[in-house]
């Protein structure tokens, strides 16, 4: 495997691990808040809207945002790097 391709693969793995870690921390952080800080999560911040509802919605929105970040990176860097590698081998 060429050095360029190995660097590209390492970069992809790094980005995937970082984005996955962000999602896992957000999700389990939310679950731990619900389990151990019920008073905080149950605090109303508006008419019938609690901190828990807002944080839960934020966790749900975070998943497609992180996916969009990965897809954007892959479209700009990963796909072009693979295409360049394939062109070098031909």
PDB file of N, CA and C in Angstrom:
ATOM      1  N   UNK A   1       0.857  -1.183   0.000  1.00  0.00           N
ATOM      2  CA  UNK A   1       0.000   0.000   0.000  1.00  0.00           C
ATOM      3  C   UNK A   1       0.896   1.237   0.000  1.00  0.00           C
ATOM      4  N   UNK A   2       0.539   2.222  -0.772  1.00  0.00           N
ATOM      5  CA  UNK A   2       1.353   3.444  -0.861  1.00  0.00           C
ATOM      6  C   UNK A   2       1.221   4.276   0.416  1.00  0.00           C
ATOM      7  N   UNK A   3       2.210   5.138   0.623  1.00  0.00           N
ATOM      8  CA  UNK A   3       2.191   6.011   1.805  1.00  0.00           C
ATOM      9  C   UNK A   3       0.993   6.949   1.793  1.00  0.00           C
ATOM     10  N   UNK A   4       0.658   7.476   0.613  1.00  0.00           N
ATOM     11  CA  UNK A   4      -0.495   8.379   0.500  1.00  0.00           C
ATOM     12  C   UNK A   4      -1.784   7.671   0.903  1.00  0.00           C
ATOM     13  N   UNK A   5      -1.943   6.446   0.422  1.00  0.00           N
ATOM     14  CA  UNK A   5      -3.158   5.697   0.735  1.00  0.00           C
ATOM     15  C   UNK A   5      -3.214   5.343   2.222  1.00  0.00           C
ATOM     16  N   UNK A   6      -2.083   5.000   2.801  1.00  0.00           N
ATOM     17  CA  UNK A   6      -2.049   4.701   4.235  1.00  0.00           C
ATOM     18  C   UNK A   6      -2.398   5.943   5.054  1.00  0.00           C
ATOM     19  N   UNK A   7      -1.861   7.105   4.666  1.00  0.00           N
ATOM     20  CA  UNK A   7      -2.199   8.343   5.372  1.00  0.00           C
ATOM     21  C   UNK A   7      -3.684   8.662   5.239  1.00  0.00           C
ATOM     22  N   UNK A   8      -4.222   8.444   4.052  1.00  0.00           N
ATOM     23  CA  UNK A   8      -5.646   8.686   3.819  1.00  0.00           C
ATOM     24  C   UNK A   8      -6.495   7.755   4.686  1.00  0.00           C
ATOM     25  N   UNK A   9      -6.110   6.500   4.763  1.00  0.00           N
ATOM     26  CA  UNK A   9      -6.846   5.532   5.584  1.00  0.00           C
ATOM     27  C   UNK A   9      -6.756   5.887   7.066  1.00  0.00           C
ATOM     28  N   UNK A  10      -5.571   6.308   7.517  1.00  0.00           N
ATOM     29  CA  UNK A  10      -5.420   6.728   8.919  1.00  0.00           C
ATOM     30  C   UNK A  10      -6.260   7.958   9.215  1.00  0.00           C
ATOM     31  N   UNK A  11      -6.280   8.891   8.291  1.00  0.00           N
ATOM     32  CA  UNK A  11      -7.065  10.113   8.480  1.00  0.00           C
ATOM     33  C   UNK A  11      -8.558   9.787   8.554  1.00  0.00           C
ATOM     34  N   UNK A  12      -9.011   8.891   7.678  1.00  0.00           N
ATOM     35  CA  UNK A  12     -10.414   8.485   7.703  1.00  0.00           C
ATOM     36  C   UNK A  12     -10.764   7.813   9.021  1.00  0.00           C
ATOM     37  N   UNK A  13      -9.883   6.948   9.499  1.00  0.00           N
ATOM     38  CA  UNK A  13     -10.119   6.279  10.775  1.00  0.00           C
ATOM     39  C   UNK A  13     -10.156   7.295  11.914  1.00  0.00           C
ATOM     40  N   UNK A  14      -9.251   8.238  11.896  1.00  0.00           N
ATOM     41  CA  UNK A  14      -9.218   9.263  12.939  1.00  0.00           C
ATOM     42  C   UNK A  14     -10.511  10.066  12.962  1.00  0.00           C
ATOM     43  N   UNK A  15     -10.946  10.501  11.805  1.00  0.00           N
ATOM     44  CA  UNK A  15     -12.184  11.286  11.737  1.00  0.00           C
ATOM     45  C   UNK A  15     -13.378  10.448  12.186  1.00  0.00           C
ATOM     46  N   UNK A  16     -13.438   9.196  11.753  1.00  0.00           N
ATOM     47  CA  UNK A  16     -14.542   8.325  12.146  1.00  0.00           C
ATOM     48  C   UNK A  16     -14.553   8.095  13.654  1.00  0.00           C
ATOM     49  N   UNK A  17     -13.387   7.881  14.243  1.00  0.00           N
ATOM     50  CA  UNK A  17     -13.306   7.644  15.687  1.00  0.00           C
ATOM     51  C   UNK A  17     -13.694   8.900  16.464  1.00  0.00           C
ATOM     52  N   UNK A  18     -13.212  10.052  16.023  1.00  0.00           N
ATOM     53  CA  UNK A  18     -13.535  11.305  16.725  1.00  0.00           C
ATOM     54  C   UNK A  18     -15.034  11.591  16.657  1.00  0.00           C
ATOM     55  N   UNK A  19     -15.623  11.478  15.481  1.00  0.00           N
ATOM     56  CA  UNK A  19     -17.058  11.750  15.354  1.00  0.00           C
ATOM     57  C   UNK A  19     -17.888  10.733  16.133  1.00  0.00           C
ATOM     58  N   UNK A  20     -17.461   9.482  16.123  1.00  0.00           N
ATOM     59  CA  UNK A  20     -18.159   8.459  16.900  1.00  0.00           C
ATOM     60  C   UNK A  20     -18.048   8.746  18.388  1.00  0.00           C
ATOM     61  N   UNK A  21     -16.866   9.151  18.830  1.00  0.00           N
ATOM     62  CA  UNK A  21     -16.675   9.468  20.249  1.00  0.00           C
ATOM     63  C   UNK A  21     -17.551  10.641  20.677  1.00  0.00           C
ATOM     64  N   UNK A  22     -17.657  11.642  19.822  1.00  0.00           N
ATOM     65  CA  UNK A  22     -18.527  12.789  20.134  1.00  0.00           C
ATOM     66  C   UNK A  22     -19.971  12.319  20.315  1.00  0.00           C
ATOM     67  N   UNK A  23     -20.439  11.450  19.416  1.00  0.00           N
ATOM     68  CA  UNK A  23     -21.813  10.969  19.514  1.00  0.00           C
ATOM     69  C   UNK A  23     -22.012  10.111  20.759  1.00  0.00           C
ATOM     70  N   UNK A  24     -21.066   9.242  21.051  1.00  0.00           N
ATOM     71  CA  UNK A  24     -21.176   8.364  22.229  1.00  0.00           C
ATOM     72  C   UNK A  24     -21.174   9.197  23.515  1.00  0.00           C
ATOM     73  N   UNK A  25     -20.288  10.180  23.599  1.00  0.00           N
ATOM     74  CA  UNK A  25     -20.239  11.026  24.795  1.00  0.00           C
ATOM     75  C   UNK A  25     -21.545  11.807  24.947  1.00  0.00           C
ATOM     76  N   UNK A  26     -22.056  12.345  23.855  1.00  0.00           N
ATOM     77  CA  UNK A  26     -23.316  13.096  23.925  1.00  0.00           C
ATOM     78  C   UNK A  26     -24.464  12.187  24.355  1.00  0.00           C
ATOM     79  N   UNK A  27     -24.555  11.014  23.752  1.00  0.00           N
ATOM     80  CA  UNK A  27     -25.660  10.108  24.056  1.00  0.00           C
ATOM     81  C   UNK A  27     -25.583   9.610  25.500  1.00  0.00           C
ATOM     82  N   UNK A  28     -24.427   9.064  25.879  1.00  0.00           N
ATOM     83  CA  UNK A  28     -24.328   8.516  27.230  1.00  0.00           C
ATOM     84  C   UNK A  28     -24.321   9.618  28.284  1.00  0.00           C
ATOM     85  N   UNK A  29     -23.810  10.795  27.918  1.00  0.00           N
ATOM     86  CA  UNK A  29     -23.917  11.927  28.839  1.00  0.00           C
ATOM     87  C   UNK A  29     -25.368  12.278  29.107  1.00  0.00           C
ATOM     88  N   UNK A  30     -26.167  12.280  28.061  1.00  0.00           N
ATOM     89  CA  UNK A  30     -27.600  12.546  28.222  1.00  0.00           C
ATOM     90  C   UNK A  30     -28.259  11.467  29.081  1.00  0.00           C
ATOM     91  N   UNK A  31     -27.949  10.207  28.799  1.00  0.00           N
ATOM     92  CA  UNK A  31     -28.534   9.110  29.570  1.00  0.00           C
ATOM     93  C   UNK A  31     -28.123   9.204  31.037  1.00  0.00           C
ATOM     94  N   UNK A  32     -26.859   9.527  31.301  1.00  0.00           N
ATOM     95  CA  UNK A  32     -26.403   9.664  32.688  1.00  0.00           C
ATOM     96  C   UNK A  32     -27.076  10.844  33.381  1.00  0.00           C
ATOM     97  N   UNK A  33     -27.288  11.925  32.651  1.00  0.00           N
ATOM     98  CA  UNK A  33     -28.027  13.043  33.244  1.00  0.00           C
ATOM     99  C   UNK A  33     -29.447  12.634  33.612  1.00  0.00           C
ATOM    100  N   UNK A  34     -30.090  11.920  32.726  1.00  0.00           N
ATOM    101  CA  UNK A  34     -31.457  11.473  32.999  1.00  0.00           C
ATOM    102  C   UNK A  34     -31.474  10.534  34.211  1.00  0.00           C
ATOM    103  N   UNK A  35     -30.461   9.703  34.331  1.00  0.00           N
ATOM    104  CA  UNK A  35     -30.421   8.727  35.421  1.00  0.00           C
ATOM    105  C   UNK A  35     -30.046   9.355  36.759  1.00  0.00           C
ATOM    106  N   UNK A  36     -29.086  10.287  36.753  1.00  0.00           N
ATOM    107  CA  UNK A  36     -28.530  10.763  38.026  1.00  0.00           C
ATOM    108  C   UNK A  36     -28.779  12.234  38.330  1.00  0.00           C
ATOM    109  N   UNK A  37     -29.313  12.985  37.408  1.00  0.00           N
ATOM    110  CA  UNK A  37     -29.582  14.405  37.664  1.00  0.00           C
ATOM    111  C   UNK A  37     -31.000  14.744  37.231  1.00  0.00           C
ATOM    112  N   UNK A  38     -31.933  13.975  37.752  1.00  0.00           N
ATOM    113  CA  UNK A  38     -33.335  14.160  37.363  1.00  0.00           C
ATOM    114  C   UNK A  38     -33.842  15.564  37.659  1.00  0.00           C
ATOM    115  N   UNK A  39     -33.350  16.157  38.750  1.00  0.00           N
ATOM    116  CA  UNK A  39     -33.801  17.505  39.087  1.00  0.00           C
ATOM    117  C   UNK A  39     -33.344  18.528  38.035  1.00  0.00           C
ATOM    118  N   UNK A  40     -32.138  18.353  37.512  1.00  0.00           N
ATOM    119  CA  UNK A  40     -31.639  19.259  36.478  1.00  0.00           C
ATOM    120  C   UNK A  40     -32.397  19.038  35.169  1.00  0.00           C
ATOM    121  N   UNK A  41     -32.524  17.780  34.779  1.00  0.00           N
ATOM    122  CA  UNK A  41     -33.182  17.454  33.510  1.00  0.00           C
ATOM    123  C   UNK A  41     -34.669  17.821  33.555  1.00  0.00           C
ATOM    124  N   UNK A  42     -35.254  17.767  34.734  1.00  0.00           N
ATOM    125  CA  UNK A  42     -36.672  18.080  34.870  1.00  0.00           C
ATOM    126  C   UNK A  42     -36.983  19.554  35.030  1.00  0.00           C
ATOM    127  N   UNK A  43     -35.971  20.384  35.097  1.00  0.00           N
ATOM    128  CA  UNK A  43     -36.173  21.822  35.264  1.00  0.00           C
ATOM    129  C   UNK A  43     -36.868  22.399  34.029  1.00  0.00           C
ATOM    130  N   UNK A  44     -37.939  23.106  34.282  1.00  0.00           N
ATOM    131  CA  UNK A  44     -38.674  23.724  33.183  1.00  0.00           C
ATOM    132  C   UNK A  44     -37.979  25.014  32.750  1.00  0.00           C
ATOM    133  N   UNK A  45     -37.823  25.184  31.439  1.00  0.00           N
ATOM    134  CA  UNK A  45     -37.213  26.403  30.923  1.00  0.00           C
ATOM    135  C   UNK A  45     -38.204  27.210  30.089  1.00  0.00           C
ATOM    136  N   UNK A  46     -39.389  26.711  29.984  1.00  0.00           N
ATOM    137  CA  UNK A  46     -40.451  27.404  29.257  1.00  0.00           C
ATOM    138  C   UNK A  46     -41.766  26.750  29.613  1.00  0.00           C
ATOM    139  N   UNK A  47     -42.797  27.112  28.924  1.00  0.00           N
ATOM    140  CA  UNK A  47     -44.094  26.492  29.179  1.00  0.00           C
ATOM    141  C   UNK A  47     -44.046  25.032  28.756  1.00  0.00           C
ATOM    142  N   UNK A  48     -44.020  24.141  29.711  1.00  0.00           N
ATOM    143  CA  UNK A  48     -44.031  22.691  29.483  1.00  0.00           C
ATOM    144  C   UNK A  48     -42.827  22.183  28.691  1.00  0.00           C
ATOM    145  N   UNK A  49     -41.723  22.892  28.704  1.00  0.00           N
ATOM    146  CA  UNK A  49     -40.492  22.447  28.036  1.00  0.00           C
ATOM    147  C   UNK A  49     -39.406  22.352  29.096  1.00  0.00           C
ATOM    148  N   UNK A  50     -38.853  21.148  29.240  1.00  0.00           N
ATOM    149  CA  UNK A  50     -37.823  20.950  30.249  1.00  0.00           C
ATOM    150  C   UNK A  50     -36.438  20.910  29.617  1.00  0.00           C
ATOM    151  N   UNK A  51     -35.438  20.992  30.461  1.00  0.00           N
ATOM    152  CA  UNK A  51     -34.055  20.873  30.013  1.00  0.00           C
ATOM    153  C   UNK A  51     -33.856  19.526  29.325  1.00  0.00           C
ATOM    154  N   UNK A  52     -34.482  18.490  29.855  1.00  0.00           N
ATOM    155  CA  UNK A  52     -34.355  17.149  29.281  1.00  0.00           C
ATOM    156  C   UNK A  52     -34.877  17.066  27.854  1.00  0.00           C
ATOM    157  N   UNK A  53     -35.985  17.720  27.590  1.00  0.00           N
ATOM    158  CA  UNK A  53     -36.547  17.726  26.235  1.00  0.00           C
ATOM    159  C   UNK A  53     -35.584  18.409  25.270  1.00  0.00           C
ATOM    160  N   UNK A  54     -35.045  19.540  25.686  1.00  0.00           N
ATOM    161  CA  UNK A  54     -34.114  20.282  24.825  1.00  0.00           C
ATOM    162  C   UNK A  54     -32.840  19.478  24.587  1.00  0.00           C
ATOM    163  N   UNK A  55     -32.289  18.889  25.651  1.00  0.00           N
ATOM    164  CA  UNK A  55     -31.074  18.085  25.489  1.00  0.00           C
ATOM    165  C   UNK A  55     -31.329  16.835  24.654  1.00  0.00           C
ATOM    166  N   UNK A  56     -32.472  16.203  24.848  1.00  0.00           N
ATOM    167  CA  UNK A  56     -32.819  15.036  24.041  1.00  0.00           C
ATOM    168  C   UNK A  56     -32.926  15.383  22.566  1.00  0.00           C
ATOM    169  N   UNK A  57     -33.561  16.508  22.283  1.00  0.00           N
ATOM    170  CA  UNK A  57     -33.668  16.956  20.889  1.00  0.00           C
ATOM    171  C   UNK A  57     -32.288  17.276  20.320  1.00  0.00           C
ATOM    172  N   UNK A  58     -31.423  17.851  21.146  1.00  0.00           N
ATOM    173  CA  UNK A  58     -30.070  18.173  20.691  1.00  0.00           C
ATOM    174  C   UNK A  58     -29.287  16.906  20.348  1.00  0.00           C
ATOM    175  N   UNK A  59     -29.448  15.865  21.143  1.00  0.00           N
ATOM    176  CA  UNK A  59     -28.774  14.594  20.857  1.00  0.00           C
ATOM    177  C   UNK A  59     -29.297  14.014  19.541  1.00  0.00           C
ATOM    178  N   UNK A  60     -30.592  14.115  19.324  1.00  0.00           N
ATOM    179  CA  UNK A  60     -31.178  13.598  18.087  1.00  0.00           C
ATOM    180  C   UNK A  60     -30.665  14.386  16.881  1.00  0.00           C
ATOM    181  N   UNK A  61     -30.569  15.699  17.008  1.00  0.00           N
ATOM    182  CA  UNK A  61     -30.087  16.542  15.907  1.00  0.00           C
ATOM    183  C   UNK A  61     -28.590  16.334  15.665  1.00  0.00           C
ATOM    184  N   UNK A  62     -27.851  16.007  16.720  1.00  0.00           N
ATOM    185  CA  UNK A  62     -26.404  15.833  16.602  1.00  0.00           C
ATOM    186  C   UNK A  62     -26.028  14.713  15.633  1.00  0.00           C
ATOM    187  N   UNK A  63     -26.784  13.629  15.621  1.00  0.00           N
ATOM    188  CA  UNK A  63     -26.439  12.492  14.756  1.00  0.00           C
ATOM    189  C   UNK A  63     -26.383  12.872  13.273  1.00  0.00           C
ATOM    190  N   UNK A  64     -27.405  13.483  12.700  1.00  0.00           N
ATOM    191  CA  UNK A  64     -27.281  13.859  11.290  1.00  0.00           C
ATOM    192  C   UNK A  64     -26.259  14.971  11.046  1.00  0.00           C
ATOM    193  N   UNK A  65     -26.024  15.826  12.036  1.00  0.00           N
ATOM    194  CA  UNK A  65     -24.999  16.859  11.874  1.00  0.00           C
ATOM    195  C   UNK A  65     -23.621  16.214  11.760  1.00  0.00           C
ATOM    196  N   UNK A  66     -23.335  15.251  12.635  1.00  0.00           N
ATOM    197  CA  UNK A  66     -22.052  14.554  12.572  1.00  0.00           C
ATOM    198  C   UNK A  66     -21.930  13.752  11.277  1.00  0.00           C
ATOM    199  N   UNK A  67     -23.030  13.169  10.842  1.00  0.00           N
ATOM    200  CA  UNK A  67     -23.022  12.443   9.573  1.00  0.00           C
ATOM    201  C   UNK A  67     -22.716  13.397   8.421  1.00  0.00           C
ATOM    202  N   UNK A  68     -23.319  14.565   8.434  1.00  0.00           N
ATOM    203  CA  UNK A  68     -23.071  15.559   7.381  1.00  0.00           C
ATOM    204  C   UNK A  68     -21.616  16.014   7.393  1.00  0.00           C
ATOM    205  N   UNK A  69     -21.033  16.156   8.573  1.00  0.00           N
ATOM    206  CA  UNK A  69     -19.618  16.528   8.668  1.00  0.00           C
ATOM    207  C   UNK A  69     -18.754  15.455   8.020  1.00  0.00           C
ATOM    208  N   UNK A  70     -19.044  14.199   8.335  1.00  0.00           N
ATOM    209  CA  UNK A  70     -18.259  13.106   7.752  1.00  0.00           C
ATOM    210  C   UNK A  70     -18.439  13.044   6.234  1.00  0.00           C
ATOM    211  N   UNK A  71     -19.661  13.140   5.774  1.00  0.00           N
ATOM    212  CA  UNK A  71     -19.922  13.069   4.331  1.00  0.00           C
ATOM    213  C   UNK A  71     -19.235  14.225   3.609  1.00  0.00           C
ATOM    214  N   UNK A  72     -19.291  15.404   4.193  1.00  0.00           N
ATOM    215  CA  UNK A  72     -18.635  16.555   3.597  1.00  0.00           C
ATOM    216  C   UNK A  72     -17.124  16.326   3.499  1.00  0.00           C
ATOM    217  N   UNK A  73     -16.525  15.833   4.576  1.00  0.00           N
ATOM    218  CA  UNK A  73     -15.085  15.539   4.556  1.00  0.00           C
ATOM    219  C   UNK A  73     -14.772  14.468   3.519  1.00  0.00           C
ATOM    220  N   UNK A  74     -15.564  13.407   3.506  1.00  0.00           N
ATOM    221  CA  UNK A  74     -15.316  12.303   2.571  1.00  0.00           C
ATOM    222  C   UNK A  74     -15.437  12.771   1.129  1.00  0.00           C
ATOM    223  N   UNK A  75     -16.415  13.585   0.837  1.00  0.00           N
ATOM    224  CA  UNK A  75     -16.588  14.087  -0.529  1.00  0.00           C
ATOM    225  C   UNK A  75     -15.420  14.962  -0.964  1.00  0.00           C
ATOM    226  N   UNK A  76     -14.897  15.764  -0.039  1.00  0.00           N
ATOM    227  CA  UNK A  76     -13.803  16.681  -0.390  1.00  0.00           C
ATOM    228  C   UNK A  76     -12.445  15.996  -0.413  1.00  0.00           C
ATOM    229  N   UNK A  77     -12.175  15.126   0.551  1.00  0.00           N
ATOM    230  CA  UNK A  77     -10.819  14.615   0.722  1.00  0.00           C
ATOM    231  C   UNK A  77     -10.677  13.126   0.411  1.00  0.00           C
ATOM    232  N   UNK A  78     -11.547  12.323   0.962  1.00  0.00           N
ATOM    233  CA  UNK A  78     -11.389  10.869   0.846  1.00  0.00           C
ATOM    234  C   UNK A  78     -11.636  10.386  -0.579  1.00  0.00           C
ATOM    235  N   UNK A  79     -12.735  10.804  -1.156  1.00  0.00           N
ATOM    236  CA  UNK A  79     -13.064  10.359  -2.517  1.00  0.00           C
ATOM    237  C   UNK A  79     -12.012  10.808  -3.523  1.00  0.00           C
ATOM    238  N   UNK A  80     -11.564  12.053  -3.397  1.00  0.00           N
ATOM    239  CA  UNK A  80     -10.542  12.542  -4.335  1.00  0.00           C
ATOM    240  C   UNK A  80      -9.212  11.830  -4.108  1.00  0.00           C
ATOM    241  N   UNK A  81      -8.904  11.509  -2.858  1.00  0.00           N
ATOM    242  CA  UNK A  81      -7.678  10.763  -2.576  1.00  0.00           C
ATOM    243  C   UNK A  81      -7.712   9.368  -3.147  1.00  0.00           C
ATOM    244  N   UNK A  82      -8.863   8.708  -3.054  1.00  0.00           N
ATOM    245  CA  UNK A  82      -9.005   7.369  -3.648  1.00  0.00           C
ATOM    246  C   UNK A  82      -8.937   7.447  -5.162  1.00  0.00           C
ATOM    247  N   UNK A  83      -9.579   8.437  -5.740  1.00  0.00           N
ATOM    248  CA  UNK A  83      -9.544   8.581  -7.191  1.00  0.00           C
ATOM    249  C   UNK A  83      -8.106   8.827  -7.661  1.00  0.00           C
ATOM    250  N   UNK A  84      -7.375   9.633  -6.925  1.00  0.00           N
ATOM    251  CA  UNK A  84      -5.983   9.895  -7.268  1.00  0.00           C
ATOM    252  C   UNK A  84      -5.157   8.607  -7.176  1.00  0.00           C
ATOM    253  N   UNK A  85      -5.412   7.816  -6.149  1.00  0.00           N
ATOM    254  CA  UNK A  85      -4.683   6.550  -5.987  1.00  0.00           C
ATOM    255  C   UNK A  85      -5.004   5.584  -7.122  1.00  0.00           C
ATOM    256  N   UNK A  86      -6.262   5.505  -7.482  1.00  0.00           N
ATOM    257  CA  UNK A  86      -6.634   4.622  -8.593  1.00  0.00           C
ATOM    258  C   UNK A  86      -6.001   5.082  -9.902  1.00  0.00           C
ATOM    259  N   UNK A  87      -5.926   6.376 -10.099  1.00  0.00           N
ATOM    260  CA  UNK A  87      -5.303   6.923 -11.304  1.00  0.00           C
ATOM    261  C   UNK A  87      -3.816   6.644 -11.339  1.00  0.00           C
ATOM    262  N   UNK A  88      -3.169   6.641 -10.175  1.00  0.00           N
ATOM    263  CA  UNK A  88      -1.740   6.364 -10.107  1.00  0.00           C
ATOM    264  C   UNK A  88      -1.427   4.918 -10.465  1.00  0.00           C
ATOM    265  N   UNK A  89      -2.350   4.013 -10.136  1.00  0.00           N
ATOM    266  CA  UNK A  89      -2.114   2.581 -10.367  1.00  0.00           C
ATOM    267  C   UNK A  89      -2.381   2.166 -11.805  1.00  0.00           C
ATOM    268  N   UNK A  90      -3.188   2.929 -12.524  1.00  0.00           N
ATOM    269  CA  UNK A  90      -3.584   2.535 -13.882  1.00  0.00           C
ATOM    270  C   UNK A  90      -2.473   2.680 -14.869  1.00  0.00           C
TER     271      UNK A  90
END
